[in-house]
Amino acid sequence: MAEGEKTEKATPKKRRDERKKGHVMMSKDAVAVASLVGGVLTLRITFASSAERIGRFMAFCITMAKDPSAGLPPREVFLQGVLLLARVAGPLLAVTILLTLIATMAQTRMLVSFELVKPKFDKINPFNGFKNLFSLKSIVEVLKNTIKIVILLYIIYTSLRDIMEVVERYLYADISGACSHLFNAIFLMLMKVVLAFLVIAAADFLYQWWDFERQMRMTKQEIKEEYKQTEGDPQVKGRIKQLQRQMSQSRMMQQVPGADVVVRNPTHVAVALRYHPGEDAAPIVLAKGLDYLALKIVEVAEQHNIVTIENVPLARTLYAEAELDKAIPPDLYEAVADVMVYLYKIDRMKAPSEMRLEQPE
């Protein structure tokens, strides 16, 4: 598999960045079908009242044509016509616009972005236009539009054929009955169109989702670069942590000369403790380390004549449970107290000998 091949799913950051640019998944056919369904249903519901209003207005206009002096001024007639148009077409227009907005916002999740309307010179590049002309998306759009045209023509043809078979019967029916039958036939034709376009819109929605996910895929290198930008270069972070450990160890080693005792496991563990009865409520851990660091703690302690005591269980427990620059846990008080008592006895034994050495001859 090629290194530059986009095989990985888009990361959350990539999706957020593309969303800010206005690049989201959206099926235009789904929007068109939503407005079409709303328009057809609105037309079905409001047709009777709209036809009645139009009939009254037409009758009024015919009366005006016979006797202009008996009616309203031309300006008033024009205003009545505009008002009729608003009442008839207003609900249809309002429902269509509302469903278009709902279908769009539902797919884009209320996204409002002006990135797509900004002028981009690559859009007017003839080479890019020629390349897009033979892209997979263009081919799918051509096939989809061709299928829609064929289905639409077929539905119109079959519907008109059925109407023409009974149109001669309109001569023997009243006008209202003939119009009602014709309207029902037209509405049935529109419903067939709606159902066919619903299937096409569902297929287009699935295709748009697949194509969007395909375009959003990333290469392994892109994911690595994004991780470096968000989390930092792992090598740099590792180097920083190493320097931090070295600085912490350096500060810790500087505190060893202030310890009262070093509890050690002969070569693997060492913990330096300090206890000043007037200052410390409990023994404080000044330094602790394993292996090489443990040997360095013991070496510094010996250079400063600090007592070292070998106690394997206590050394391991102190290293595991006690925190640096903090008092030891309460459950270790008794064990450490025994060590401090031992140190106190050693100091008592040293004191007389030191006094004898200081007496004059």
Protein backbone atom coordinates (compact mmCIF):
# COMPACT_ATOMS: atom_id res chain seq x y z
CA MET A 1 0.00 0.00 0.00
CA ALA A 2 1.41 3.38 -1.02
CA GLU A 3 2.49 5.74 1.76
CA GLY A 4 0.52 8.65 0.26
CA GLU A 5 -2.73 6.72 -0.19
CA LYS A 6 -5.66 8.00 1.83
CA THR A 7 -6.73 4.96 3.82
CA GLU A 8 -7.43 6.38 7.29
CA LYS A 9 -10.70 7.82 8.58
CA ALA A 10 -10.77 11.57 9.14
CA THR A 11 -9.86 12.71 12.64
CA PRO A 12 -12.20 14.94 14.68
CA LYS A 13 -9.85 17.88 14.11
CA LYS A 14 -9.93 17.36 10.33
CA ARG A 15 -13.73 17.29 10.42
CA ARG A 16 -13.86 20.48 12.49
CA ASP A 17 -11.45 22.27 10.13
CA GLU A 18 -13.37 21.19 7.03
CA ARG A 19 -16.65 22.22 8.65
CA LYS A 20 -15.26 25.72 9.25
CA LYS A 21 -14.47 25.86 5.53
CA GLY A 22 -18.07 24.93 4.73
CA HIS A 23 -17.16 21.44 3.55
CA VAL A 24 -19.99 19.26 4.86
CA MET A 25 -22.04 16.38 3.51
CA MET A 26 -25.21 17.51 1.78
CA SER A 27 -27.53 15.97 -0.79
CA LYS A 28 -29.15 18.60 -3.02
CA ASP A 29 -31.67 16.04 -4.21
CA ALA A 30 -32.87 15.54 -0.65
CA VAL A 31 -33.47 19.29 -0.36
CA ALA A 32 -35.28 19.38 -3.71
CA VAL A 33 -37.51 16.43 -2.80
CA ALA A 34 -38.38 17.97 0.58
CA SER A 35 -39.55 21.17 -1.09
CA LEU A 36 -41.36 19.16 -3.79
CA VAL A 37 -43.27 17.09 -1.23
CA GLY A 38 -44.24 20.20 0.72
CA GLY A 39 -45.34 21.98 -2.44
CA VAL A 40 -47.49 19.10 -3.69
CA LEU A 41 -49.19 18.57 -0.33
CA THR A 42 -49.80 22.30 0.10
CA LEU A 43 -51.27 22.49 -3.39
CA ARG A 44 -53.56 19.57 -2.56
CA ILE A 45 -54.79 21.17 0.65
CA THR A 46 -55.27 24.72 -0.64
CA PHE A 47 -56.47 23.95 -4.15
CA ALA A 48 -60.21 24.15 -3.42
CA SER A 49 -60.07 27.50 -1.64
CA SER A 50 -57.58 28.89 -4.16
CA ALA A 51 -59.78 27.83 -7.10
CA GLU A 52 -62.78 29.47 -5.46
CA ARG A 53 -60.89 32.75 -4.94
CA ILE A 54 -59.58 32.74 -8.50
CA GLY A 55 -63.10 32.03 -9.83
CA ARG A 56 -64.61 34.94 -7.93
CA PHE A 57 -61.84 37.26 -9.12
CA MET A 58 -62.27 36.18 -12.75
CA ALA A 59 -66.03 36.71 -12.52
CA PHE A 60 -65.40 40.15 -11.07
CA CYS A 61 -62.99 40.99 -13.92
CA ILE A 62 -65.53 39.85 -16.54
CA THR A 63 -68.18 42.04 -14.91
CA MET A 64 -65.73 44.96 -14.97
CA ALA A 65 -65.07 44.36 -18.65
CA LYS A 66 -68.79 44.58 -19.45
CA ASP A 67 -69.36 47.78 -17.44
CA PRO A 68 -66.15 49.53 -16.32
CA SER A 69 -68.06 52.39 -14.70
CA ALA A 70 -69.88 50.05 -12.30
CA GLY A 71 -66.73 48.62 -10.73
CA LEU A 72 -63.60 49.72 -8.95
CA PRO A 73 -60.85 51.92 -10.35
CA PRO A 74 -58.04 50.08 -12.23
CA ARG A 75 -55.63 50.72 -9.34
CA GLU A 76 -57.94 48.93 -6.90
CA VAL A 77 -58.37 46.03 -9.32
CA PHE A 78 -54.59 45.69 -9.55
CA LEU A 79 -54.27 45.68 -5.78
CA GLN A 80 -56.97 43.01 -5.53
CA GLY A 81 -55.04 40.89 -8.02
CA VAL A 82 -51.80 41.22 -6.04
CA LEU A 83 -53.63 40.29 -2.84
CA LEU A 84 -55.16 37.25 -4.55
CA LEU A 85 -51.73 36.16 -5.78
CA ALA A 86 -50.34 36.44 -2.24
CA ARG A 87 -53.18 34.37 -0.79
CA VAL A 88 -52.92 31.67 -3.46
CA ALA A 89 -49.15 31.41 -3.93
CA GLY A 90 -48.09 32.58 -0.45
CA PRO A 91 -48.70 29.32 1.44
CA LEU A 92 -47.06 27.28 -1.34
CA LEU A 93 -44.01 29.56 -1.38
CA ALA A 94 -43.75 29.69 2.42
CA VAL A 95 -43.92 25.89 2.84
CA THR A 96 -41.40 25.35 0.05
CA ILE A 97 -38.89 27.80 1.54
CA LEU A 98 -39.39 26.46 5.07
CA LEU A 99 -38.84 22.82 4.05
CA THR A 100 -35.81 23.80 1.98
CA LEU A 101 -34.24 25.50 4.99
CA ILE A 102 -35.10 22.57 7.28
CA ALA A 103 -33.65 19.97 4.88
CA THR A 104 -30.49 22.04 4.40
CA MET A 105 -29.93 22.83 8.07
CA ALA A 106 -30.63 19.23 9.08
CA GLN A 107 -27.83 18.00 6.81
CA THR A 108 -25.35 20.77 7.62
CA ARG A 109 -26.29 20.91 11.34
CA MET A 110 -27.06 24.62 11.30
CA LEU A 111 -23.79 25.52 9.60
CA VAL A 112 -23.39 29.08 8.35
CA SER A 113 -20.12 29.60 6.50
CA PHE A 114 -18.99 32.24 4.00
CA GLU A 115 -15.87 30.34 2.91
CA LEU A 116 -17.58 28.81 -0.12
CA VAL A 117 -18.65 32.20 -1.52
CA LYS A 118 -15.16 33.66 -1.35
CA PRO A 119 -13.51 34.04 -4.79
CA LYS A 120 -10.99 31.33 -5.55
CA PHE A 121 -8.77 31.50 -8.64
CA ASP A 122 -8.49 27.72 -8.94
CA LYS A 123 -12.22 27.60 -9.77
CA ILE A 124 -11.62 29.54 -13.00
CA ASN A 125 -8.59 27.48 -13.95
CA PRO A 126 -9.41 25.77 -17.30
CA PHE A 127 -7.28 22.75 -16.44
CA ASN A 128 -9.14 22.18 -13.18
CA GLY A 129 -12.47 22.63 -14.94
CA PHE A 130 -11.52 20.08 -17.61
CA LYS A 131 -10.37 17.65 -14.93
CA ASN A 132 -13.60 18.06 -12.95
CA LEU A 133 -15.60 17.47 -16.13
CA PHE A 134 -14.48 13.83 -16.18
CA SER A 135 -14.39 13.24 -12.44
CA LEU A 136 -16.40 10.53 -10.70
CA LYS A 137 -18.73 13.10 -9.20
CA SER A 138 -19.52 14.65 -12.61
CA ILE A 139 -20.22 11.25 -14.13
CA VAL A 140 -22.56 10.34 -11.28
CA GLU A 141 -24.38 13.67 -11.63
CA VAL A 142 -24.88 13.11 -15.37
CA LEU A 143 -26.21 9.61 -14.82
CA LYS A 144 -28.47 10.77 -12.00
CA ASN A 145 -29.94 13.64 -14.03
CA THR A 146 -30.45 11.36 -17.01
CA ILE A 147 -32.34 8.87 -14.85
CA LYS A 148 -34.50 11.65 -13.40
CA ILE A 149 -35.38 12.98 -16.85
CA VAL A 150 -36.23 9.51 -18.15
CA ILE A 151 -38.43 8.72 -15.14
CA LEU A 152 -40.13 12.11 -15.30
CA LEU A 153 -40.90 11.76 -19.02
CA TYR A 154 -42.19 8.23 -18.50
CA ILE A 155 -44.53 9.29 -15.68
CA ILE A 156 -45.83 12.27 -17.65
CA TYR A 157 -46.36 10.15 -20.75
CA THR A 158 -48.27 7.38 -18.95
CA SER A 159 -50.32 9.90 -16.97
CA LEU A 160 -51.30 11.89 -20.07
CA ARG A 161 -52.09 8.67 -21.89
CA ASP A 162 -54.51 7.67 -19.14
CA ILE A 163 -56.10 11.14 -19.19
CA MET A 164 -56.52 11.11 -22.97
CA GLU A 165 -58.38 7.83 -22.75
CA VAL A 166 -61.17 9.47 -20.73
CA VAL A 167 -60.95 13.07 -21.95
CA GLU A 168 -63.84 12.57 -24.37
CA ARG A 169 -66.09 11.85 -21.40
CA TYR A 170 -65.59 15.42 -20.21
CA LEU A 171 -67.99 16.47 -22.99
CA TYR A 172 -70.82 14.72 -21.13
CA ALA A 173 -69.85 15.91 -17.61
CA ASP A 174 -70.35 19.22 -15.88
CA ILE A 175 -67.42 21.60 -15.59
CA SER A 176 -66.86 21.09 -11.85
CA GLY A 177 -66.84 17.28 -12.20
CA ALA A 178 -64.47 17.37 -15.17
CA CYS A 179 -62.11 19.77 -13.41
CA SER A 180 -62.18 17.66 -10.25
CA HIS A 181 -61.28 14.50 -12.17
CA LEU A 182 -58.55 16.28 -14.10
CA PHE A 183 -57.07 17.73 -10.92
CA ASN A 184 -57.06 14.30 -9.22
CA ALA A 185 -55.30 12.82 -12.24
CA ILE A 186 -52.68 15.56 -12.19
CA PHE A 187 -52.22 15.14 -8.44
CA LEU A 188 -51.75 11.38 -8.89
CA MET A 189 -49.10 12.11 -11.52
CA LEU A 190 -47.31 14.46 -9.13
CA MET A 191 -47.38 11.84 -6.37
CA LYS A 192 -45.76 9.32 -8.72
CA VAL A 193 -43.05 11.89 -9.46
CA VAL A 194 -42.57 12.51 -5.75
CA LEU A 195 -42.23 8.80 -4.94
CA ALA A 196 -39.76 8.25 -7.76
CA PHE A 197 -37.69 11.26 -6.73
CA LEU A 198 -37.78 10.10 -3.09
CA VAL A 199 -36.02 6.89 -4.12
CA ILE A 200 -33.49 8.84 -6.16
CA ALA A 201 -32.91 11.27 -3.26
CA ALA A 202 -32.32 8.39 -0.83
CA ALA A 203 -29.77 6.86 -3.20
CA ASP A 204 -28.14 10.26 -3.72
CA PHE A 205 -27.97 10.82 0.06
CA LEU A 206 -26.11 7.52 0.53
CA TYR A 207 -23.78 8.34 -2.36
CA GLN A 208 -23.04 11.83 -1.04
CA TRP A 209 -22.26 10.39 2.39
CA TRP A 210 -19.90 7.81 0.86
CA ASP A 211 -18.22 10.40 -1.38
CA PHE A 212 -17.84 12.84 1.53
CA GLU A 213 -16.20 10.20 3.72
CA ARG A 214 -13.94 9.23 0.81
CA GLN A 215 -12.80 12.82 0.32
CA MET A 216 -12.26 13.26 4.06
CA ARG A 217 -9.90 10.28 4.34
CA MET A 218 -6.34 11.01 5.37
CA THR A 219 -2.95 9.48 4.78
CA LYS A 220 -0.93 8.08 7.65
CA GLN A 221 1.54 10.93 7.21
CA GLU A 222 -1.24 13.53 7.51
CA ILE A 223 -2.36 11.96 10.79
CA LYS A 224 1.22 12.05 12.08
CA GLU A 225 1.59 15.71 11.09
CA GLU A 226 -1.72 16.59 12.74
CA TYR A 227 -0.64 14.81 15.92
CA LYS A 228 2.59 16.80 15.93
CA GLN A 229 0.65 20.05 15.57
CA THR A 230 -1.85 19.28 18.32
CA GLU A 231 0.18 17.21 20.76
CA GLY A 232 3.70 18.24 19.83
CA ASP A 233 6.55 16.26 18.28
CA PRO A 234 7.00 13.01 20.30
CA GLN A 235 10.80 13.35 20.07
CA VAL A 236 10.69 16.90 21.38
CA LYS A 237 8.28 15.93 24.14
CA GLY A 238 10.53 13.00 25.07
CA ARG A 239 13.56 15.28 25.19
CA ILE A 240 11.68 17.78 27.37
CA LYS A 241 10.64 15.02 29.78
CA GLN A 242 14.22 13.77 29.91
CA LEU A 243 15.51 17.26 30.75
CA GLN A 244 12.81 17.64 33.38
CA ARG A 245 13.83 14.35 34.96
CA GLN A 246 17.48 15.39 34.94
CA MET A 247 16.68 18.73 36.58
CA SER A 248 14.47 17.00 39.17
CA GLN A 249 17.20 14.49 39.93
CA SER A 250 19.76 17.27 40.21
CA ARG A 251 17.61 19.17 42.72
CA MET A 252 16.98 15.95 44.59
CA MET A 253 20.70 15.14 44.85
CA GLN A 254 21.35 18.63 46.25
CA GLN A 255 18.98 17.83 49.13
CA VAL A 256 20.73 14.58 50.14
CA PRO A 257 23.36 16.35 52.37
CA GLY A 258 20.47 17.62 54.51
CA ALA A 259 19.19 14.11 55.25
CA ASP A 260 19.47 12.41 58.64
CA VAL A 261 19.48 8.85 57.32
CA VAL A 262 19.39 6.87 54.07
CA VAL A 263 17.38 3.67 54.06
CA ARG A 264 18.65 1.34 51.36
CA ASN A 265 18.28 -1.98 49.70
CA PRO A 266 21.97 -2.72 49.20
CA THR A 267 22.23 -1.83 45.50
CA HIS A 268 18.76 -1.24 44.03
CA VAL A 269 16.80 1.19 46.23
CA ALA A 270 17.75 4.19 48.36
CA VAL A 271 15.54 6.71 50.20
CA ALA A 272 16.95 9.75 52.04
CA LEU A 273 14.93 10.95 55.05
CA ARG A 274 15.04 14.06 57.17
CA TYR A 275 13.41 14.57 60.54
CA HIS A 276 13.70 17.76 62.58
CA PRO A 277 11.41 17.41 65.61
CA GLY A 278 10.89 21.13 65.93
CA GLU A 279 10.06 21.62 62.23
CA ASP A 280 8.70 18.38 60.81
CA ALA A 281 5.53 16.66 61.94
CA ALA A 282 6.85 13.44 60.40
CA PRO A 283 9.97 12.33 58.52
CA ILE A 284 10.32 13.99 55.09
CA VAL A 285 11.51 12.21 51.93
CA LEU A 286 14.33 14.31 50.46
CA ALA A 287 15.45 11.89 47.73
CA LYS A 288 14.70 8.44 46.39
CA GLY A 289 15.97 6.41 43.48
CA LEU A 290 16.58 3.05 41.86
CA ASP A 291 19.76 1.34 40.68
CA TYR A 292 22.27 3.96 39.48
CA LEU A 293 20.43 6.83 41.16
CA ALA A 294 20.24 4.82 44.39
CA LEU A 295 24.02 4.29 44.34
CA LYS A 296 24.55 8.03 43.78
CA ILE A 297 22.32 8.86 46.78
CA VAL A 298 24.34 6.45 48.96
CA GLU A 299 27.62 7.88 47.61
CA VAL A 300 26.62 11.48 48.43
CA ALA A 301 25.39 10.37 51.86
CA GLU A 302 28.71 8.70 52.66
CA GLN A 303 30.60 11.80 51.51
CA HIS A 304 28.66 13.84 54.08
CA ASN A 305 28.86 11.22 56.86
CA ILE A 306 25.14 10.48 56.76
CA VAL A 307 24.17 7.16 58.29
CA THR A 308 22.91 4.53 55.82
CA ILE A 309 20.80 1.64 57.05
CA GLU A 310 20.07 -1.49 55.06
CA ASN A 311 16.41 -2.44 55.40
CA VAL A 312 15.10 -4.11 52.26
CA PRO A 313 11.33 -4.16 53.03
CA LEU A 314 11.29 -0.61 54.41
CA ALA A 315 13.35 0.76 51.53
CA ARG A 316 11.05 -0.77 48.93
CA THR A 317 7.91 0.37 50.76
CA LEU A 318 9.20 3.93 51.17
CA TYR A 319 10.10 4.13 47.49
CA ALA A 320 6.72 2.81 46.38
CA GLU A 321 4.43 4.72 48.76
CA ALA A 322 6.23 7.88 49.91
CA GLU A 323 6.22 11.01 47.73
CA LEU A 324 9.23 13.23 47.17
CA ASP A 325 9.45 16.34 49.40
CA LYS A 326 6.47 15.13 51.46
CA ALA A 327 6.03 13.36 54.78
CA ILE A 328 5.99 9.59 54.83
CA PRO A 329 2.59 7.82 54.97
CA PRO A 330 1.19 7.29 58.49
CA ASP A 331 1.33 3.51 58.17
CA LEU A 332 5.15 3.78 57.98
CA TYR A 333 5.55 5.88 61.12
CA GLU A 334 6.31 2.90 63.34
CA ALA A 335 8.93 1.37 61.06
CA VAL A 336 10.68 4.70 60.48
CA ALA A 337 10.47 5.52 64.18
CA ASP A 338 12.56 2.43 64.90
CA VAL A 339 15.18 3.78 62.50
CA MET A 340 15.14 7.19 64.18
CA VAL A 341 15.52 5.59 67.62
CA TYR A 342 18.49 3.69 66.30
CA LEU A 343 20.01 6.95 65.03
CA TYR A 344 19.37 8.60 68.38
CA LYS A 345 21.27 5.77 70.11
CA ILE A 346 24.16 6.16 67.70
CA ASP A 347 24.30 9.91 68.40
CA ARG A 348 24.29 9.23 72.16
CA MET A 349 27.19 6.80 71.73
CA LYS A 350 29.15 9.29 69.65
CA ALA A 351 28.72 12.24 72.00
CA PRO A 352 31.03 11.09 74.92
CA SER A 353 33.83 10.11 72.60
CA GLU A 354 33.69 13.46 70.87
CA MET A 355 33.82 15.25 74.23
CA ARG A 356 36.93 13.25 75.29
CA LEU A 357 38.66 14.16 72.07
CA GLU A 358 38.00 17.85 72.69
CA GLN A 359 39.50 17.88 76.28
CA PRO A 360 42.98 19.54 76.56
CA GLU A 361 45.98 17.36 77.37
